[in-house]
Amino acid sequence: MAKNNPKQFKVIDKFIFIQLRSEEECPCTLPNAKHLNSFDDNRYRWRLDDYRIIGIVQNNEFKIIHIIKISKRDESTYKGL
């Protein structure tokens, strides 16, 4: 991803380390967040242009997030999660 589009890599990096880790706002309430209903755990998808960040929010209070996958949006983005 970084070799193909370093500008997009910076946008994703900034989003992960500033917005998702922010203490002012729960990552579940960000405007680009969507709860993924077809999973048993508390998975969310955050959309950044053509890329999707899929992660698990374990505790809204502590904002512990596990990034499962960062992928360019296509038909195989949600396979194998």
N, C-alpha and C. Protein backbone atom coordinates (compact mmCIF):
# COMPACT_ATOMS: atom_id res chain seq x y z
N MET A 1 0.83 -1.19 0.00
CA MET A 1 0.00 0.00 0.00
C MET A 1 0.87 1.25 0.00
N ALA A 2 1.92 1.30 0.80
CA ALA A 2 2.75 2.50 0.90
C ALA A 2 3.51 2.77 -0.39
N LYS A 3 3.91 1.71 -1.09
CA LYS A 3 4.65 1.90 -2.33
C LYS A 3 3.75 2.45 -3.43
N ASN A 4 2.50 2.01 -3.44
CA ASN A 4 1.58 2.43 -4.48
C ASN A 4 1.06 3.84 -4.27
N ASN A 5 0.76 4.19 -3.04
CA ASN A 5 0.15 5.48 -2.77
C ASN A 5 0.56 5.98 -1.38
N PRO A 6 1.72 6.62 -1.28
CA PRO A 6 2.18 7.07 0.04
C PRO A 6 1.26 8.09 0.69
N LYS A 7 0.57 8.90 -0.11
CA LYS A 7 -0.36 9.89 0.45
C LYS A 7 -1.51 9.18 1.16
N GLN A 8 -2.03 8.13 0.53
CA GLN A 8 -3.12 7.38 1.15
C GLN A 8 -2.64 6.67 2.41
N PHE A 9 -1.40 6.18 2.41
CA PHE A 9 -0.84 5.55 3.60
C PHE A 9 -0.80 6.53 4.76
N LYS A 10 -0.44 7.78 4.49
CA LYS A 10 -0.40 8.80 5.54
C LYS A 10 -1.80 9.07 6.10
N VAL A 11 -2.80 9.08 5.22
CA VAL A 11 -4.18 9.30 5.66
C VAL A 11 -4.63 8.17 6.58
N ILE A 12 -4.33 6.94 6.20
CA ILE A 12 -4.70 5.78 7.02
C ILE A 12 -3.94 5.79 8.34
N ASP A 13 -2.66 6.08 8.28
CA ASP A 13 -1.83 6.13 9.49
C ASP A 13 -2.35 7.19 10.46
N LYS A 14 -2.67 8.37 9.94
CA LYS A 14 -3.20 9.45 10.77
C LYS A 14 -4.54 9.06 11.38
N PHE A 15 -5.39 8.41 10.60
CA PHE A 15 -6.69 7.99 11.09
C PHE A 15 -6.55 6.99 12.24
N ILE A 16 -5.67 6.01 12.07
CA ILE A 16 -5.49 4.99 13.11
C ILE A 16 -4.92 5.59 14.38
N PHE A 17 -3.88 6.38 14.26
CA PHE A 17 -3.17 6.84 15.45
C PHE A 17 -3.73 8.11 16.07
N ILE A 18 -4.60 8.82 15.38
CA ILE A 18 -5.19 10.02 15.97
C ILE A 18 -6.68 9.82 16.24
N GLN A 19 -7.46 9.48 15.21
CA GLN A 19 -8.91 9.40 15.41
C GLN A 19 -9.33 8.15 16.17
N LEU A 20 -8.80 6.98 15.82
CA LEU A 20 -9.22 5.77 16.50
C LEU A 20 -8.73 5.71 17.94
N ARG A 21 -7.62 6.36 18.23
CA ARG A 21 -7.07 6.33 19.59
C ARG A 21 -7.42 7.57 20.40
N SER A 22 -8.28 8.42 19.87
CA SER A 22 -8.68 9.64 20.55
C SER A 22 -9.51 9.32 21.79
N GLU A 23 -9.29 10.06 22.85
CA GLU A 23 -10.05 9.85 24.08
C GLU A 23 -11.34 10.65 24.10
N GLU A 24 -11.48 11.64 23.20
CA GLU A 24 -12.68 12.47 23.20
C GLU A 24 -13.87 11.76 22.57
N GLU A 25 -13.62 10.88 21.61
CA GLU A 25 -14.71 10.31 20.84
C GLU A 25 -14.57 8.80 20.76
N CYS A 26 -15.67 8.11 20.93
CA CYS A 26 -15.68 6.66 20.79
C CYS A 26 -15.51 6.32 19.31
N PRO A 27 -14.65 5.38 18.96
CA PRO A 27 -14.43 5.06 17.55
C PRO A 27 -15.68 4.51 16.87
N CYS A 28 -16.64 4.02 17.64
CA CYS A 28 -17.87 3.48 17.08
C CYS A 28 -18.79 4.58 16.56
N THR A 29 -18.61 5.81 17.04
CA THR A 29 -19.51 6.90 16.66
C THR A 29 -18.92 7.80 15.58
N LEU A 30 -17.76 7.44 15.05
CA LEU A 30 -17.19 8.24 13.96
C LEU A 30 -18.10 8.15 12.74
N PRO A 31 -18.16 9.20 11.93
CA PRO A 31 -19.09 9.19 10.79
C PRO A 31 -18.80 8.13 9.74
N ASN A 32 -17.57 7.65 9.67
CA ASN A 32 -17.23 6.64 8.67
C ASN A 32 -17.25 5.22 9.24
N ALA A 33 -17.84 5.04 10.43
CA ALA A 33 -17.90 3.72 11.08
C ALA A 33 -19.22 3.04 10.78
N LYS A 34 -19.14 1.73 10.61
CA LYS A 34 -20.34 0.93 10.42
C LYS A 34 -20.18 -0.37 11.20
N HIS A 35 -21.19 -0.71 11.99
CA HIS A 35 -21.17 -1.96 12.74
C HIS A 35 -21.44 -3.10 11.77
N LEU A 36 -20.64 -4.16 11.84
CA LEU A 36 -20.82 -5.32 10.98
C LEU A 36 -21.67 -6.35 11.73
N ASN A 37 -22.92 -6.47 11.33
CA ASN A 37 -23.89 -7.28 12.07
C ASN A 37 -23.70 -8.78 11.92
N SER A 38 -23.06 -9.23 10.87
CA SER A 38 -22.99 -10.67 10.60
C SER A 38 -21.92 -11.39 11.42
N PHE A 39 -21.29 -10.71 12.37
CA PHE A 39 -20.26 -11.32 13.20
C PHE A 39 -20.71 -11.35 14.66
N ASP A 40 -20.20 -12.34 15.41
CA ASP A 40 -20.58 -12.48 16.82
C ASP A 40 -19.92 -11.44 17.71
N ASP A 41 -18.73 -11.00 17.34
CA ASP A 41 -18.03 -10.02 18.17
C ASP A 41 -18.43 -8.61 17.76
N ASN A 42 -17.84 -7.64 18.35
CA ASN A 42 -18.20 -6.24 18.16
C ASN A 42 -17.35 -5.62 17.04
N ARG A 43 -17.51 -6.13 15.81
CA ARG A 43 -16.69 -5.66 14.69
C ARG A 43 -17.28 -4.42 14.04
N TYR A 44 -16.36 -3.55 13.65
CA TYR A 44 -16.73 -2.33 12.94
C TYR A 44 -15.87 -2.20 11.70
N ARG A 45 -16.40 -1.45 10.74
CA ARG A 45 -15.66 -1.13 9.53
C ARG A 45 -15.58 0.39 9.44
N TRP A 46 -14.37 0.90 9.21
CA TRP A 46 -14.17 2.33 8.99
C TRP A 46 -13.76 2.52 7.54
N ARG A 47 -14.40 3.43 6.85
CA ARG A 47 -14.15 3.65 5.43
C ARG A 47 -13.27 4.88 5.25
N LEU A 48 -12.18 4.70 4.51
CA LEU A 48 -11.28 5.79 4.15
C LEU A 48 -11.03 5.72 2.65
N ASP A 49 -11.75 6.51 1.89
CA ASP A 49 -11.67 6.49 0.43
C ASP A 49 -11.88 5.07 -0.09
N ASP A 50 -10.88 4.50 -0.78
CA ASP A 50 -11.01 3.16 -1.34
C ASP A 50 -10.59 2.06 -0.38
N TYR A 51 -10.19 2.41 0.82
CA TYR A 51 -9.69 1.42 1.77
C TYR A 51 -10.68 1.22 2.91
N ARG A 52 -10.64 0.02 3.50
CA ARG A 52 -11.49 -0.32 4.63
C ARG A 52 -10.61 -0.81 5.77
N ILE A 53 -10.88 -0.33 6.96
CA ILE A 53 -10.21 -0.81 8.16
C ILE A 53 -11.26 -1.56 8.96
N ILE A 54 -11.00 -2.82 9.23
CA ILE A 54 -11.94 -3.65 9.96
C ILE A 54 -11.31 -4.00 11.30
N GLY A 55 -12.04 -3.74 12.37
CA GLY A 55 -11.48 -3.98 13.70
C GLY A 55 -12.54 -4.33 14.71
N ILE A 56 -12.08 -4.76 15.87
CA ILE A 56 -12.96 -5.13 16.98
C ILE A 56 -12.80 -4.10 18.08
N VAL A 57 -13.90 -3.53 18.52
CA VAL A 57 -13.89 -2.61 19.65
C VAL A 57 -14.30 -3.43 20.87
N GLN A 58 -13.37 -3.64 21.79
CA GLN A 58 -13.64 -4.50 22.93
C GLN A 58 -14.33 -3.77 24.06
N ASN A 59 -13.99 -2.53 24.26
CA ASN A 59 -14.55 -1.81 25.40
C ASN A 59 -14.57 -0.33 25.05
N ASN A 60 -15.77 0.22 24.92
CA ASN A 60 -15.88 1.63 24.53
C ASN A 60 -15.15 2.56 25.50
N GLU A 61 -15.13 2.22 26.76
CA GLU A 61 -14.50 3.10 27.74
C GLU A 61 -12.99 3.16 27.57
N PHE A 62 -12.36 2.02 27.31
CA PHE A 62 -10.91 2.00 27.17
C PHE A 62 -10.45 2.10 25.72
N LYS A 63 -11.37 1.94 24.81
CA LYS A 63 -11.08 2.06 23.39
C LYS A 63 -9.94 1.14 22.94
N ILE A 64 -10.06 -0.11 23.32
CA ILE A 64 -9.09 -1.11 22.88
C ILE A 64 -9.55 -1.61 21.52
N ILE A 65 -8.71 -1.45 20.53
CA ILE A 65 -9.09 -1.82 19.17
C ILE A 65 -8.05 -2.78 18.62
N HIS A 66 -8.53 -3.83 18.00
CA HIS A 66 -7.65 -4.75 17.28
C HIS A 66 -7.92 -4.54 15.79
N ILE A 67 -6.93 -4.15 15.06
CA ILE A 67 -7.09 -4.00 13.62
C ILE A 67 -6.96 -5.38 13.01
N ILE A 68 -7.99 -5.82 12.34
CA ILE A 68 -7.99 -7.14 11.74
C ILE A 68 -7.41 -7.08 10.33
N LYS A 69 -7.82 -6.08 9.57
CA LYS A 69 -7.42 -6.05 8.17
C LYS A 69 -7.53 -4.64 7.64
N ILE A 70 -6.56 -4.23 6.82
CA ILE A 70 -6.65 -3.00 6.05
C ILE A 70 -6.53 -3.42 4.60
N SER A 71 -7.54 -3.13 3.83
CA SER A 71 -7.57 -3.64 2.46
C SER A 71 -8.24 -2.64 1.54
N LYS A 72 -7.79 -2.64 0.29
CA LYS A 72 -8.47 -1.83 -0.71
C LYS A 72 -9.81 -2.49 -1.00
N ARG A 73 -10.83 -1.70 -1.16
CA ARG A 73 -12.19 -2.20 -1.31
C ARG A 73 -12.34 -2.94 -2.62
N ASP A 74 -12.67 -4.23 -2.54
CA ASP A 74 -13.06 -5.03 -3.69
C ASP A 74 -13.91 -6.19 -3.19
N GLU A 75 -14.21 -7.14 -4.06
CA GLU A 75 -15.12 -8.22 -3.67
C GLU A 75 -14.54 -9.15 -2.62
N SER A 76 -13.23 -9.15 -2.41
CA SER A 76 -12.63 -10.06 -1.43
C SER A 76 -12.31 -9.39 -0.09
N THR A 77 -12.72 -8.15 0.11
CA THR A 77 -12.38 -7.41 1.33
C THR A 77 -12.87 -8.10 2.59
N TYR A 78 -14.10 -8.61 2.57
CA TYR A 78 -14.70 -9.15 3.78
C TYR A 78 -14.59 -10.68 3.88
N LYS A 79 -13.93 -11.32 2.92
CA LYS A 79 -13.76 -12.77 2.96
C LYS A 79 -12.66 -13.14 3.93
N GLY A 80 -12.86 -14.20 4.66
CA GLY A 80 -11.84 -14.73 5.56
C GLY A 80 -11.68 -13.98 6.86
N LEU A 81 -12.67 -13.21 7.26
CA LEU A 81 -12.56 -12.48 8.53
C LEU A 81 -12.97 -13.36 9.68
